[in-house]
Amino acid sequence: MLAFFGLTPSIRLQIFREIHEIVFHGGGGYDWHTIYNMPTWLRKTTFNFINEHFEKINEERYKTENVLTNMTDITTQKIAKPGVLPQQSPSTQAESKPFKK
């Protein structure tokens, strides 16, 4: 049922969701009444700024996780070794020489 003056339920839900996201993710800088009484253009701009901020954080987190994922072998879940040839350790060199008395 639509009233002549008023908002549809879906638009009201969208507005309340926007208000909640700004208050919840705004870092404690906003309260519900301030956001509710804020002009629409300013509320939408604030919402977009906060959204962009968290998208950048998620992008950086994804890059970091991607680097860590590339360093692990998927089949064994062990950290992959770099392509360095193994060298004889001092203990193996000592074993190959005969012991003198």
N, C-alpha and C. Protein backbone atom coordinates (compact mmCIF):
# COMPACT_ATOMS: atom_id res chain seq x y z
N MET A 1 0.84 -1.17 0.00
CA MET A 1 0.00 0.00 0.00
C MET A 1 0.89 1.24 0.00
N LEU A 2 0.76 2.08 -0.97
CA LEU A 2 1.55 3.29 -1.09
C LEU A 2 0.74 4.49 -0.64
N ALA A 3 1.38 5.31 0.12
CA ALA A 3 0.76 6.57 0.51
C ALA A 3 1.17 7.63 -0.51
N PHE A 4 0.40 8.65 -0.62
CA PHE A 4 0.71 9.70 -1.58
C PHE A 4 2.03 10.37 -1.23
N PHE A 5 2.16 10.75 0.03
CA PHE A 5 3.42 11.31 0.50
C PHE A 5 4.09 10.26 1.37
N GLY A 6 5.24 9.85 0.96
CA GLY A 6 5.97 8.86 1.75
C GLY A 6 6.89 8.06 0.88
N LEU A 7 7.59 7.19 1.50
CA LEU A 7 8.56 6.37 0.80
C LEU A 7 8.06 4.93 0.72
N THR A 8 8.47 4.26 -0.34
CA THR A 8 8.12 2.85 -0.47
C THR A 8 8.96 2.06 0.53
N PRO A 9 8.50 0.89 0.90
CA PRO A 9 9.27 0.09 1.87
C PRO A 9 10.70 -0.21 1.40
N SER A 10 10.90 -0.44 0.12
CA SER A 10 12.25 -0.75 -0.35
C SER A 10 13.17 0.48 -0.25
N ILE A 11 12.65 1.66 -0.53
CA ILE A 11 13.45 2.87 -0.42
C ILE A 11 13.75 3.17 1.05
N ARG A 12 12.76 2.97 1.91
CA ARG A 12 13.00 3.18 3.35
C ARG A 12 14.08 2.24 3.86
N LEU A 13 14.02 0.97 3.43
CA LEU A 13 15.03 -0.01 3.83
C LEU A 13 16.41 0.43 3.34
N GLN A 14 16.48 0.93 2.13
CA GLN A 14 17.76 1.39 1.58
C GLN A 14 18.31 2.57 2.40
N ILE A 15 17.45 3.51 2.76
CA ILE A 15 17.89 4.66 3.56
C ILE A 15 18.37 4.22 4.94
N PHE A 16 17.61 3.34 5.59
CA PHE A 16 18.01 2.87 6.91
C PHE A 16 19.29 2.04 6.85
N ARG A 17 19.47 1.29 5.78
CA ARG A 17 20.70 0.52 5.61
C ARG A 17 21.89 1.47 5.43
N GLU A 18 21.71 2.54 4.64
CA GLU A 18 22.75 3.55 4.46
C GLU A 18 23.12 4.19 5.79
N ILE A 19 22.10 4.57 6.56
CA ILE A 19 22.34 5.19 7.86
C ILE A 19 23.11 4.23 8.77
N HIS A 20 22.68 2.98 8.79
CA HIS A 20 23.35 1.99 9.63
C HIS A 20 24.82 1.82 9.21
N GLU A 21 25.09 1.72 7.92
CA GLU A 21 26.46 1.52 7.44
C GLU A 21 27.35 2.70 7.81
N ILE A 22 26.83 3.91 7.70
CA ILE A 22 27.63 5.09 8.04
C ILE A 22 27.91 5.11 9.54
N VAL A 23 26.90 4.85 10.36
CA VAL A 23 27.09 4.87 11.81
C VAL A 23 28.02 3.74 12.24
N PHE A 24 27.82 2.55 11.69
CA PHE A 24 28.59 1.37 12.11
C PHE A 24 30.04 1.46 11.65
N HIS A 25 30.25 1.81 10.38
CA HIS A 25 31.61 1.83 9.82
C HIS A 25 32.26 3.20 9.86
N GLY A 26 31.59 4.17 10.42
CA GLY A 26 32.13 5.53 10.47
C GLY A 26 33.15 5.75 11.56
N GLY A 27 33.51 4.74 12.27
CA GLY A 27 34.55 4.86 13.28
C GLY A 27 34.12 5.64 14.51
N GLY A 28 32.84 5.69 14.80
CA GLY A 28 32.35 6.39 15.97
C GLY A 28 32.19 7.89 15.77
N GLY A 29 32.35 8.36 14.54
CA GLY A 29 32.26 9.78 14.27
C GLY A 29 30.86 10.27 14.00
N TYR A 30 29.91 9.36 13.87
CA TYR A 30 28.54 9.74 13.52
C TYR A 30 27.56 9.04 14.44
N ASP A 31 26.46 9.74 14.74
CA ASP A 31 25.37 9.08 15.44
C ASP A 31 24.15 9.03 14.51
N TRP A 32 23.17 8.22 14.89
CA TRP A 32 22.03 7.94 14.02
C TRP A 32 21.26 9.21 13.68
N HIS A 33 20.99 10.05 14.66
CA HIS A 33 20.17 11.25 14.43
C HIS A 33 20.87 12.25 13.51
N THR A 34 22.18 12.37 13.64
CA THR A 34 22.92 13.27 12.76
C THR A 34 22.83 12.82 11.31
N ILE A 35 23.01 11.53 11.09
CA ILE A 35 22.95 10.99 9.72
C ILE A 35 21.53 11.07 9.18
N TYR A 36 20.53 10.78 10.01
CA TYR A 36 19.15 10.82 9.56
C TYR A 36 18.74 12.23 9.13
N ASN A 37 19.21 13.24 9.85
CA ASN A 37 18.85 14.63 9.55
C ASN A 37 19.79 15.29 8.54
N MET A 38 20.80 14.56 8.10
CA MET A 38 21.76 15.08 7.14
C MET A 38 21.09 15.23 5.77
N PRO A 39 21.45 16.25 4.98
CA PRO A 39 20.90 16.34 3.62
C PRO A 39 21.24 15.09 2.81
N THR A 40 20.37 14.73 1.91
CA THR A 40 20.52 13.50 1.15
C THR A 40 21.84 13.46 0.39
N TRP A 41 22.19 14.56 -0.27
CA TRP A 41 23.42 14.57 -1.06
C TRP A 41 24.64 14.36 -0.16
N LEU A 42 24.63 14.92 1.04
CA LEU A 42 25.76 14.77 1.95
C LEU A 42 25.83 13.36 2.52
N ARG A 43 24.67 12.78 2.83
CA ARG A 43 24.63 11.41 3.34
C ARG A 43 25.16 10.44 2.29
N LYS A 44 24.73 10.62 1.03
CA LYS A 44 25.20 9.73 -0.03
C LYS A 44 26.70 9.90 -0.28
N THR A 45 27.19 11.15 -0.21
CA THR A 45 28.62 11.40 -0.38
C THR A 45 29.42 10.77 0.74
N THR A 46 28.96 10.92 1.98
CA THR A 46 29.63 10.31 3.12
C THR A 46 29.65 8.80 2.98
N PHE A 47 28.53 8.22 2.58
CA PHE A 47 28.44 6.77 2.38
C PHE A 47 29.45 6.33 1.32
N ASN A 48 29.55 7.08 0.21
CA ASN A 48 30.48 6.71 -0.85
C ASN A 48 31.93 6.82 -0.41
N PHE A 49 32.26 7.85 0.39
CA PHE A 49 33.63 7.99 0.90
C PHE A 49 34.00 6.81 1.79
N ILE A 50 33.11 6.44 2.68
CA ILE A 50 33.38 5.30 3.57
C ILE A 50 33.48 4.02 2.76
N ASN A 51 32.62 3.86 1.76
CA ASN A 51 32.65 2.68 0.91
C ASN A 51 33.98 2.59 0.16
N GLU A 52 34.43 3.69 -0.42
CA GLU A 52 35.71 3.70 -1.14
C GLU A 52 36.87 3.37 -0.20
N HIS A 53 36.81 3.89 1.00
CA HIS A 53 37.87 3.62 1.99
C HIS A 53 37.97 2.12 2.27
N PHE A 54 36.85 1.47 2.51
CA PHE A 54 36.88 0.04 2.81
C PHE A 54 37.20 -0.80 1.58
N GLU A 55 36.85 -0.34 0.39
CA GLU A 55 37.25 -1.06 -0.82
C GLU A 55 38.76 -1.04 -0.99
N LYS A 56 39.40 0.10 -0.69
CA LYS A 56 40.86 0.18 -0.77
C LYS A 56 41.52 -0.75 0.24
N ILE A 57 40.96 -0.79 1.44
CA ILE A 57 41.50 -1.69 2.46
C ILE A 57 41.39 -3.14 2.01
N ASN A 58 40.23 -3.51 1.46
CA ASN A 58 40.04 -4.88 0.98
C ASN A 58 40.97 -5.20 -0.18
N GLU A 59 41.23 -4.23 -1.05
CA GLU A 59 42.15 -4.43 -2.17
C GLU A 59 43.55 -4.72 -1.66
N GLU A 60 44.02 -3.93 -0.70
CA GLU A 60 45.34 -4.15 -0.13
C GLU A 60 45.41 -5.50 0.58
N ARG A 61 44.36 -5.86 1.28
CA ARG A 61 44.32 -7.16 1.96
C ARG A 61 44.37 -8.30 0.95
N TYR A 62 43.66 -8.13 -0.17
CA TYR A 62 43.67 -9.16 -1.22
C TYR A 62 45.07 -9.29 -1.82
N LYS A 63 45.74 -8.15 -2.07
CA LYS A 63 47.09 -8.20 -2.63
C LYS A 63 48.04 -8.93 -1.69
N THR A 64 47.94 -8.64 -0.39
CA THR A 64 48.80 -9.29 0.59
C THR A 64 48.52 -10.78 0.65
N GLU A 65 47.25 -11.16 0.67
CA GLU A 65 46.90 -12.58 0.71
C GLU A 65 47.32 -13.28 -0.56
N ASN A 66 47.23 -12.58 -1.70
CA ASN A 66 47.62 -13.17 -2.97
C ASN A 66 49.12 -13.44 -3.00
N VAL A 67 49.91 -12.52 -2.46
CA VAL A 67 51.36 -12.73 -2.40
C VAL A 67 51.67 -13.92 -1.51
N LEU A 68 51.01 -14.02 -0.36
CA LEU A 68 51.25 -15.15 0.53
C LEU A 68 50.78 -16.46 -0.10
N THR A 69 49.70 -16.44 -0.85
CA THR A 69 49.19 -17.64 -1.50
C THR A 69 50.16 -18.11 -2.58
N ASN A 70 50.76 -17.19 -3.31
CA ASN A 70 51.71 -17.56 -4.35
C ASN A 70 52.98 -18.14 -3.77
N MET A 71 53.26 -17.86 -2.50
CA MET A 71 54.46 -18.39 -1.87
C MET A 71 54.26 -19.81 -1.33
N THR A 72 53.03 -20.31 -1.33
CA THR A 72 52.79 -21.65 -0.80
C THR A 72 52.45 -22.59 -1.93
N ASP A 73 52.84 -23.84 -1.76
CA ASP A 73 52.52 -24.88 -2.71
C ASP A 73 51.11 -25.38 -2.39
N ILE A 74 50.23 -25.37 -3.36
CA ILE A 74 48.82 -25.71 -3.13
C ILE A 74 48.65 -27.17 -2.72
N THR A 75 49.44 -28.09 -3.30
CA THR A 75 49.24 -29.51 -3.01
C THR A 75 49.71 -29.89 -1.62
N THR A 76 50.82 -29.29 -1.15
CA THR A 76 51.35 -29.68 0.15
C THR A 76 51.10 -28.63 1.23
N GLN A 77 50.68 -27.44 0.84
CA GLN A 77 50.46 -26.33 1.76
C GLN A 77 51.74 -25.99 2.54
N LYS A 78 52.89 -26.15 1.88
CA LYS A 78 54.16 -25.76 2.48
C LYS A 78 54.67 -24.53 1.75
N ILE A 79 55.49 -23.77 2.41
CA ILE A 79 56.07 -22.59 1.78
C ILE A 79 57.02 -23.04 0.69
N ALA A 80 56.86 -22.49 -0.50
CA ALA A 80 57.70 -22.87 -1.63
C ALA A 80 59.10 -22.31 -1.45
N LYS A 81 60.11 -23.12 -1.79
CA LYS A 81 61.49 -22.70 -1.68
C LYS A 81 61.88 -21.97 -2.95
N PRO A 82 62.75 -20.99 -2.83
CA PRO A 82 63.20 -20.30 -4.03
C PRO A 82 64.09 -21.22 -4.85
N GLY A 83 64.29 -20.90 -6.11
CA GLY A 83 65.07 -21.75 -7.00
C GLY A 83 66.56 -21.61 -6.76
N VAL A 84 67.04 -22.04 -5.59
CA VAL A 84 68.46 -21.98 -5.25
C VAL A 84 68.99 -23.40 -5.23
N LEU A 85 70.16 -23.60 -5.85
CA LEU A 85 70.77 -24.94 -5.86
C LEU A 85 71.30 -25.27 -4.47
N PRO A 86 71.11 -26.51 -4.02
CA PRO A 86 71.60 -26.88 -2.69
C PRO A 86 73.13 -26.95 -2.68
N GLN A 87 73.74 -26.49 -1.60
CA GLN A 87 75.18 -26.56 -1.43
C GLN A 87 75.49 -27.57 -0.34
N GLN A 88 76.69 -28.08 -0.41
CA GLN A 88 77.08 -29.02 0.64
C GLN A 88 77.27 -28.26 1.93
N SER A 89 76.71 -28.81 2.96
CA SER A 89 76.88 -28.18 4.27
C SER A 89 78.22 -28.62 4.85
N PRO A 90 78.76 -27.90 5.81
CA PRO A 90 80.04 -28.29 6.41
C PRO A 90 80.01 -29.69 7.01
N SER A 91 78.88 -30.13 7.52
CA SER A 91 78.82 -31.46 8.12
C SER A 91 78.95 -32.55 7.07
N THR A 92 78.40 -32.38 5.87
CA THR A 92 78.53 -33.39 4.82
C THR A 92 79.93 -33.37 4.24
N GLN A 93 80.60 -32.23 4.21
CA GLN A 93 81.97 -32.17 3.72
C GLN A 93 82.90 -32.89 4.70
N ALA A 94 82.67 -32.76 5.99
CA ALA A 94 83.51 -33.39 6.99
C ALA A 94 83.35 -34.90 6.95
N GLU A 95 82.16 -35.39 6.65
CA GLU A 95 81.91 -36.83 6.60
C GLU A 95 82.60 -37.47 5.42
N SER A 96 82.78 -36.74 4.32
CA SER A 96 83.38 -37.32 3.15
C SER A 96 84.90 -37.45 3.26
N LYS A 97 85.55 -36.71 4.17
CA LYS A 97 87.00 -36.79 4.35
C LYS A 97 87.33 -37.88 5.37
N PRO A 98 88.39 -38.63 5.12
CA PRO A 98 88.77 -39.65 6.09
C PRO A 98 89.29 -39.01 7.36
N PHE A 99 89.08 -39.69 8.47
CA PHE A 99 89.51 -39.19 9.77
C PHE A 99 90.96 -39.57 10.00
N LYS A 100 91.80 -38.62 10.37
CA LYS A 100 93.22 -38.88 10.64
C LYS A 100 93.44 -38.92 12.14
N LYS A 101 94.32 -39.85 12.54
CA LYS A 101 94.67 -39.97 13.95
C LYS A 101 95.98 -39.30 14.24
